[in-house]
PDB file of N, CA and C in Angstrom:
ATOM      1  N   MET A   1     104.640 102.288 116.003  1.00  0.00           N
ATOM      2  CA  MET A   1     103.873 101.521 115.037  1.00  0.00           C
ATOM      3  C   MET A   1     104.483 100.131 114.917  1.00  0.00           C
ATOM      4  N   SER A   2     103.638  99.139 114.984  1.00  0.00           N
ATOM      5  CA  SER A   2     104.092  97.757 114.865  1.00  0.00           C
ATOM      6  C   SER A   2     104.521  97.464 113.429  1.00  0.00           C
ATOM      7  N   LYS A   3     105.512  96.593 113.276  1.00  0.00           N
ATOM      8  CA  LYS A   3     106.009  96.239 111.948  1.00  0.00           C
ATOM      9  C   LYS A   3     105.340  94.959 111.452  1.00  0.00           C
ATOM     10  N   VAL A   4     104.028  94.855 111.651  1.00  0.00           N
ATOM     11  CA  VAL A   4     103.264  93.677 111.240  1.00  0.00           C
ATOM     12  C   VAL A   4     102.051  94.128 110.441  1.00  0.00           C
ATOM     13  N   CYS A   5     101.795  93.460 109.312  1.00  0.00           N
ATOM     14  CA  CYS A   5     100.611  93.755 108.502  1.00  0.00           C
ATOM     15  C   CYS A   5      99.369  93.266 109.244  1.00  0.00           C
ATOM     16  N   GLU A   6      98.354  94.110 109.332  1.00  0.00           N
ATOM     17  CA  GLU A   6      97.143  93.757 110.069  1.00  0.00           C
ATOM     18  C   GLU A   6      96.222  92.844 109.265  1.00  0.00           C
ATOM     19  N   ILE A   7      96.492  92.630 107.980  1.00  0.00           N
ATOM     20  CA  ILE A   7      95.664  91.765 107.154  1.00  0.00           C
ATOM     21  C   ILE A   7      96.254  90.359 107.071  1.00  0.00           C
ATOM     22  N   CYS A   8      97.503  90.250 106.605  1.00  0.00           N
ATOM     23  CA  CYS A   8      98.096  88.932 106.369  1.00  0.00           C
ATOM     24  C   CYS A   8      99.071  88.497 107.462  1.00  0.00           C
ATOM     25  N   GLY A   9      99.465  89.417 108.357  1.00  0.00           N
ATOM     26  CA  GLY A   9     100.376  89.054 109.435  1.00  0.00           C
ATOM     27  C   GLY A   9     101.840  89.038 109.040  1.00  0.00           C
ATOM     28  N   LYS A  10     102.176  89.592 107.872  1.00  0.00           N
ATOM     29  CA  LYS A  10     103.570  89.636 107.430  1.00  0.00           C
ATOM     30  C   LYS A  10     104.386  90.474 108.409  1.00  0.00           C
ATOM     31  N   LYS A  11     105.574  89.979 108.784  1.00  0.00           N
ATOM     32  CA  LYS A  11     106.421  90.671 109.736  1.00  0.00           C
ATOM     33  C   LYS A  11     107.880  90.555 109.317  1.00  0.00           C
ATOM     34  N   PRO A  12     108.797  91.248 110.002  1.00  0.00           N
ATOM     35  CA  PRO A  12     110.206  91.206 109.606  1.00  0.00           C
ATOM     36  C   PRO A  12     110.773  89.781 109.650  1.00  0.00           C
ATOM     37  N   MET A  13     111.637  89.489 108.664  1.00  0.00           N
ATOM     38  CA  MET A  13     112.315  88.197 108.614  1.00  0.00           C
ATOM     39  C   MET A  13     113.813  88.451 108.754  1.00  0.00           C
ATOM     40  N   THR A  14     114.543  87.456 109.208  1.00  0.00           N
ATOM     41  CA  THR A  14     115.983  87.605 109.351  1.00  0.00           C
ATOM     42  C   THR A  14     116.702  86.866 108.242  1.00  0.00           C
ATOM     43  N   GLY A  15     117.918  87.318 107.967  1.00  0.00           N
ATOM     44  CA  GLY A  15     118.725  86.690 106.935  1.00  0.00           C
ATOM     45  C   GLY A  15     120.158  87.158 107.065  1.00  0.00           C
ATOM     46  N   ASN A  16     120.936  86.972 106.019  1.00  0.00           N
ATOM     47  CA  ASN A  16     122.339  87.335 106.036  1.00  0.00           C
ATOM     48  C   ASN A  16     122.685  88.265 104.887  1.00  0.00           C
ATOM     49  N   LYS A  17     123.636  89.151 105.137  1.00  0.00           N
ATOM     50  CA  LYS A  17     124.257  89.932 104.087  1.00  0.00           C
ATOM     51  C   LYS A  17     125.617  89.280 103.866  1.00  0.00           C
ATOM     52  N   ILE A  18     125.826  88.697 102.691  1.00  0.00           N
ATOM     53  CA  ILE A  18     127.037  87.938 102.407  1.00  0.00           C
ATOM     54  C   ILE A  18     127.934  88.744 101.468  1.00  0.00           C
ATOM     55  N   ILE A  19     129.180  88.943 101.872  1.00  0.00           N
ATOM     56  CA  ILE A  19     130.147  89.683 101.064  1.00  0.00           C
ATOM     57  C   ILE A  19     131.100  88.676 100.435  1.00  0.00           C
ATOM     58  N   ARG A  20     131.216  88.733  99.112  1.00  0.00           N
ATOM     59  CA  ARG A  20     132.087  87.810  98.387  1.00  0.00           C
ATOM     60  C   ARG A  20     133.109  88.601  97.573  1.00  0.00           C
ATOM     61  N   HIS A  21     134.346  88.102  97.513  1.00  0.00           N
ATOM     62  CA  HIS A  21     135.404  88.707  96.715  1.00  0.00           C
ATOM     63  C   HIS A  21     135.994  87.666  95.787  1.00  0.00           C
ATOM     64  N   GLY A  22     136.595  88.126  94.728  1.00  0.00           N
ATOM     65  CA  GLY A  22     137.238  87.230  93.777  1.00  0.00           C
ATOM     66  C   GLY A  22     136.515  87.254  92.448  1.00  0.00           C
ATOM     67  N   LEU A  23     137.078  86.562  91.478  1.00  0.00           N
ATOM     68  CA  LEU A  23     136.507  86.479  90.144  1.00  0.00           C
ATOM     69  C   LEU A  23     135.901  85.100  89.943  1.00  0.00           C
ATOM     70  N   GLU A  24     134.695  85.057  89.384  1.00  0.00           N
ATOM     71  CA  GLU A  24     134.008  83.792  89.179  1.00  0.00           C
ATOM     72  C   GLU A  24     134.823  82.856  88.287  1.00  0.00           C
ATOM     73  N   LYS A  25     134.655  81.562  88.510  1.00  0.00           N
ATOM     74  CA  LYS A  25     135.366  80.572  87.695  1.00  0.00           C
ATOM     75  C   LYS A  25     134.971  80.677  86.227  1.00  0.00           C
ATOM     76  N   ALA A  26     133.696  80.970  85.987  1.00  0.00           N
ATOM     77  CA  ALA A  26     133.211  81.080  84.615  1.00  0.00           C
ATOM     78  C   ALA A  26     133.858  82.254  83.881  1.00  0.00           C
ATOM     79  N   LYS A  27     134.367  83.215  84.639  1.00  0.00           N
ATOM     80  CA  LYS A  27     135.009  84.383  84.029  1.00  0.00           C
ATOM     81  C   LYS A  27     136.534  84.276  84.058  1.00  0.00           C
ATOM     82  N   GLY A  28     137.052  83.086  84.404  1.00  0.00           N
ATOM     83  CA  GLY A  28     138.490  82.875  84.370  1.00  0.00           C
ATOM     84  C   GLY A  28     139.194  83.012  85.699  1.00  0.00           C
ATOM     85  N   GLY A  29     138.462  83.183  86.771  1.00  0.00           N
ATOM     86  CA  GLY A  29     139.076  83.335  88.089  1.00  0.00           C
ATOM     87  C   GLY A  29     139.164  82.019  88.839  1.00  0.00           C
ATOM     88  N   ILE A  30     139.475  82.112  90.125  1.00  0.00           N
ATOM     89  CA  ILE A  30     139.576  80.901  90.942  1.00  0.00           C
ATOM     90  C   ILE A  30     138.334  80.690  91.800  1.00  0.00           C
ATOM     91  N   GLY A  31     137.322  81.519  91.590  1.00  0.00           N
ATOM     92  CA  GLY A  31     136.060  81.357  92.307  1.00  0.00           C
ATOM     93  C   GLY A  31     135.855  82.450  93.338  1.00  0.00           C
ATOM     94  N   LEU A  32     134.586  82.609  93.734  1.00  0.00           N
ATOM     95  CA  LEU A  32     134.245  83.615  94.734  1.00  0.00           C
ATOM     96  C   LEU A  32     134.515  83.072  96.131  1.00  0.00           C
ATOM     97  N   HIS A  33     135.011  83.939  97.008  1.00  0.00           N
ATOM     98  CA  HIS A  33     135.292  83.556  98.387  1.00  0.00           C
ATOM     99  C   HIS A  33     134.459  84.434  99.312  1.00  0.00           C
ATOM    100  N   THR A  34     133.814  83.815 100.295  1.00  0.00           N
ATOM    101  CA  THR A  34     133.033  84.560 101.265  1.00  0.00           C
ATOM    102  C   THR A  34     133.992  85.184 102.275  1.00  0.00           C
ATOM    103  N   THR A  35     133.922  86.500 102.425  1.00  0.00           N
ATOM    104  CA  THR A  35     134.828  87.187 103.343  1.00  0.00           C
ATOM    105  C   THR A  35     134.099  87.822 104.511  1.00  0.00           C
ATOM    106  N   GLY A  36     132.776  87.800 104.492  1.00  0.00           N
ATOM    107  CA  GLY A  36     132.047  88.377 105.612  1.00  0.00           C
ATOM    108  C   GLY A  36     130.580  88.040 105.557  1.00  0.00           C
ATOM    109  N   ILE A  37     130.009  87.734 106.730  1.00  0.00           N
ATOM    110  CA  ILE A  37     128.576  87.463 106.837  1.00  0.00           C
ATOM    111  C   ILE A  37     128.045  88.296 107.995  1.00  0.00           C
ATOM    112  N   THR A  38     127.029  89.102 107.715  1.00  0.00           N
ATOM    113  CA  THR A  38     126.422  89.958 108.726  1.00  0.00           C
ATOM    114  C   THR A  38     124.929  89.667 108.783  1.00  0.00           C
ATOM    115  N   ARG A  39     124.387  89.537 109.990  1.00  0.00           N
ATOM    116  CA  ARG A  39     122.948  89.331 110.150  1.00  0.00           C
ATOM    117  C   ARG A  39     122.204  90.610 109.775  1.00  0.00           C
ATOM    118  N   ARG A  40     121.033  90.477 109.167  1.00  0.00           N
ATOM    119  CA  ARG A  40     120.212  91.630 108.817  1.00  0.00           C
ATOM    120  C   ARG A  40     118.750  91.254 108.901  1.00  0.00           C
ATOM    121  N   ARG A  41     117.871  92.260 108.784  1.00  0.00           N
ATOM    122  CA  ARG A  41     116.429  92.031 108.829  1.00  0.00           C
ATOM    123  C   ARG A  41     115.805  92.522 107.535  1.00  0.00           C
ATOM    124  N   PHE A  42     114.890  91.724 107.003  1.00  0.00           N
ATOM    125  CA  PHE A  42     114.129  92.097 105.816  1.00  0.00           C
ATOM    126  C   PHE A  42     112.784  92.613 106.301  1.00  0.00           C
ATOM    127  N   MET A  43     112.541  93.916 106.085  1.00  0.00           N
ATOM    128  CA  MET A  43     111.315  94.547 106.582  1.00  0.00           C
ATOM    129  C   MET A  43     110.205  94.497 105.534  1.00  0.00           C
ATOM    130  N   PRO A  44     108.956  94.282 105.962  1.00  0.00           N
ATOM    131  CA  PRO A  44     107.843  94.336 105.010  1.00  0.00           C
ATOM    132  C   PRO A  44     107.564  95.776 104.601  1.00  0.00           C
ATOM    133  N   ASN A  45     107.003  95.953 103.399  1.00  0.00           N
ATOM    134  CA  ASN A  45     106.666  97.276 102.886  1.00  0.00           C
ATOM    135  C   ASN A  45     105.292  97.665 103.424  1.00  0.00           C
ATOM    136  N   LEU A  46     105.271  98.264 104.620  1.00  0.00           N
ATOM    137  CA  LEU A  46     104.015  98.599 105.284  1.00  0.00           C
ATOM    138  C   LEU A  46     103.598 100.032 104.987  1.00  0.00           C
ATOM    139  N   GLN A  47     102.306 100.210 104.784  1.00  0.00           N
ATOM    140  CA  GLN A  47     101.721 101.519 104.521  1.00  0.00           C
ATOM    141  C   GLN A  47     100.564 101.734 105.490  1.00  0.00           C
ATOM    142  N   SER A  48     100.386 102.976 105.927  1.00  0.00           N
ATOM    143  CA  SER A  48      99.254 103.323 106.774  1.00  0.00           C
ATOM    144  C   SER A  48      98.146 103.834 105.854  1.00  0.00           C
ATOM    145  N   VAL A  49      97.050 103.080 105.756  1.00  0.00           N
ATOM    146  CA  VAL A  49      95.971 103.439 104.838  1.00  0.00           C
ATOM    147  C   VAL A  49      94.642 103.501 105.584  1.00  0.00           C
ATOM    148  N   ARG A  50      93.713 104.266 105.008  1.00  0.00           N
ATOM    149  CA  ARG A  50      92.350 104.305 105.547  1.00  0.00           C
ATOM    150  C   ARG A  50      91.567 103.168 104.917  1.00  0.00           C
ATOM    151  N   VAL A  51      90.901 102.376 105.770  1.00  0.00           N
ATOM    152  CA  VAL A  51      90.177 101.190 105.324  1.00  0.00           C
ATOM    153  C   VAL A  51      88.730 101.304 105.772  1.00  0.00           C
ATOM    154  N   LYS A  52      87.828 100.897 104.893  1.00  0.00           N
ATOM    155  CA  LYS A  52      86.404 100.917 105.202  1.00  0.00           C
ATOM    156  C   LYS A  52      86.044  99.591 105.875  1.00  0.00           C
ATOM    157  N   GLU A  53      85.600  99.669 107.132  1.00  0.00           N
ATOM    158  CA  GLU A  53      85.195  98.477 107.879  1.00  0.00           C
ATOM    159  C   GLU A  53      83.791  98.698 108.408  1.00  0.00           C
ATOM    160  N   GLY A  54      82.865  97.887 107.937  1.00  0.00           N
ATOM    161  CA  GLY A  54      81.473  98.086 108.326  1.00  0.00           C
ATOM    162  C   GLY A  54      80.982  99.409 107.800  1.00  0.00           C
ATOM    163  N   GLY A  55      80.558 100.294 108.691  1.00  0.00           N
ATOM    164  CA  GLY A  55      80.106 101.603 108.258  1.00  0.00           C
ATOM    165  C   GLY A  55      81.085 102.707 108.612  1.00  0.00           C
ATOM    166  N   THR A  56      82.245 102.323 109.162  1.00  0.00           N
ATOM    167  CA  THR A  56      83.205 103.323 109.588  1.00  0.00           C
ATOM    168  C   THR A  56      84.503 103.230 108.783  1.00  0.00           C
ATOM    169  N   THR A  57      85.313 104.273 108.913  1.00  0.00           N
ATOM    170  CA  THR A  57      86.613 104.313 108.270  1.00  0.00           C
ATOM    171  C   THR A  57      87.672 104.336 109.361  1.00  0.00           C
ATOM    172  N   VAL A  58      88.632 103.411 109.281  1.00  0.00           N
ATOM    173  CA  VAL A  58      89.695 103.331 110.281  1.00  0.00           C
ATOM    174  C   VAL A  58      91.049 103.264 109.581  1.00  0.00           C
ATOM    175  N   ARG A  59      92.102 103.628 110.314  1.00  0.00           N
ATOM    176  CA  ARG A  59      93.463 103.528 109.780  1.00  0.00           C
ATOM    177  C   ARG A  59      94.028 102.162 110.130  1.00  0.00           C
ATOM    178  N   ARG A  60      94.633 101.518 109.142  1.00  0.00           N
ATOM    179  CA  ARG A  60      95.248 100.205 109.336  1.00  0.00           C
ATOM    180  C   ARG A  60      96.663 100.227 108.756  1.00  0.00           C
ATOM    181  N   THR A  61      97.545  99.429 109.333  1.00  0.00           N
ATOM    182  CA  THR A  61      98.891  99.253 108.802  1.00  0.00           C
ATOM    183  C   THR A  61      98.869  97.999 107.944  1.00  0.00           C
ATOM    184  N   VAL A  62      99.015  98.187 106.627  1.00  0.00           N
ATOM    185  CA  VAL A  62      98.831  97.105 105.663  1.00  0.00           C
ATOM    186  C   VAL A  62     100.047  97.041 104.744  1.00  0.00           C
ATOM    187  N   CYS A  63     100.454  95.823 104.358  1.00  0.00           N
ATOM    188  CA  CYS A  63     101.587  95.689 103.443  1.00  0.00           C
ATOM    189  C   CYS A  63     101.129  95.994 102.015  1.00  0.00           C
ATOM    190  N   ALA A  64     102.097  96.387 101.174  1.00  0.00           N
ATOM    191  CA  ALA A  64     101.798  96.770  99.798  1.00  0.00           C
ATOM    192  C   ALA A  64     101.207  95.610  99.011  1.00  0.00           C
ATOM    193  N   GLU A  65     101.610  94.381  99.340  1.00  0.00           N
ATOM    194  CA  GLU A  65     101.090  93.214  98.631  1.00  0.00           C
ATOM    195  C   GLU A  65      99.577  93.066  98.845  1.00  0.00           C
ATOM    196  N   CYS A  66      99.101  93.307 100.067  1.00  0.00           N
ATOM    197  CA  CYS A  66      97.667  93.216 100.352  1.00  0.00           C
ATOM    198  C   CYS A  66      96.894  94.339  99.658  1.00  0.00           C
ATOM    199  N   ILE A  67      97.494  95.523  99.564  1.00  0.00           N
ATOM    200  CA  ILE A  67      96.840  96.643  98.887  1.00  0.00           C
ATOM    201  C   ILE A  67      96.677  96.325  97.407  1.00  0.00           C
ATOM    202  N   ARG A  68      97.759  95.829  96.768  1.00  0.00           N
ATOM    203  CA  ARG A  68      97.704  95.497  95.341  1.00  0.00           C
ATOM    204  C   ARG A  68      96.759  94.334  95.063  1.00  0.00           C
ATOM    205  N   ALA A  69      96.649  93.393  96.004  1.00  0.00           N
ATOM    206  CA  ALA A  69      95.793  92.233  95.799  1.00  0.00           C
ATOM    207  C   ALA A  69      94.323  92.571  96.009  1.00  0.00           C
ATOM    208  N   GLY A  70      94.020  93.770  96.516  1.00  0.00           N
ATOM    209  CA  GLY A  70      92.636  94.181  96.720  1.00  0.00           C
ATOM    210  C   GLY A  70      91.999  93.573  97.945  1.00  0.00           C
ATOM    211  N   LEU A  71      92.800  93.228  98.955  1.00  0.00           N
ATOM    212  CA  LEU A  71      92.261  92.613 100.166  1.00  0.00           C
ATOM    213  C   LEU A  71      91.638  93.632 101.121  1.00  0.00           C
ATOM    214  N   ILE A  72      91.815  94.923 100.811  1.00  0.00           N
ATOM    215  CA  ILE A  72      91.197  95.966 101.633  1.00  0.00           C
ATOM    216  C   ILE A  72      90.259  96.779 100.743  1.00  0.00           C
ATOM    217  N   GLU A  73      89.305  97.422 101.395  1.00  0.00           N
ATOM    218  CA  GLU A  73      88.363  98.273 100.655  1.00  0.00           C
ATOM    219  C   GLU A  73      88.576  99.707 101.116  1.00  0.00           C
ATOM    220  N   LYS A  74      88.994 100.551 100.186  1.00  0.00           N
ATOM    221  CA  LYS A  74      89.231 101.951 100.505  1.00  0.00           C
ATOM    222  C   LYS A  74      87.916 102.718 100.483  1.00  0.00           C
ATOM    223  N   PRO A  75      87.791 103.753 101.325  1.00  0.00           N
ATOM    224  CA  PRO A  75      86.543 104.551 101.345  1.00  0.00           C
ATOM    225  C   PRO A  75      86.395 105.409 100.122  1.00  0.00           C
TER     226      PRO A  75
END
């Protein structure tokens, strides 16, 4: 199954997981220090739903945002 929404085209995005140690300056410490950065992927919340298209019902992979926004019509 593809990790892309068939309605809006939302797909996985990349980013970082940042690990910080130390006590914040506002809390009396010397500040937070970055001790590790790891690449990661942010996956869309995809659901397999039945969608009414024309006179037929088909299965589509749709993100939760499109379902809540009412961009699909359920049978």
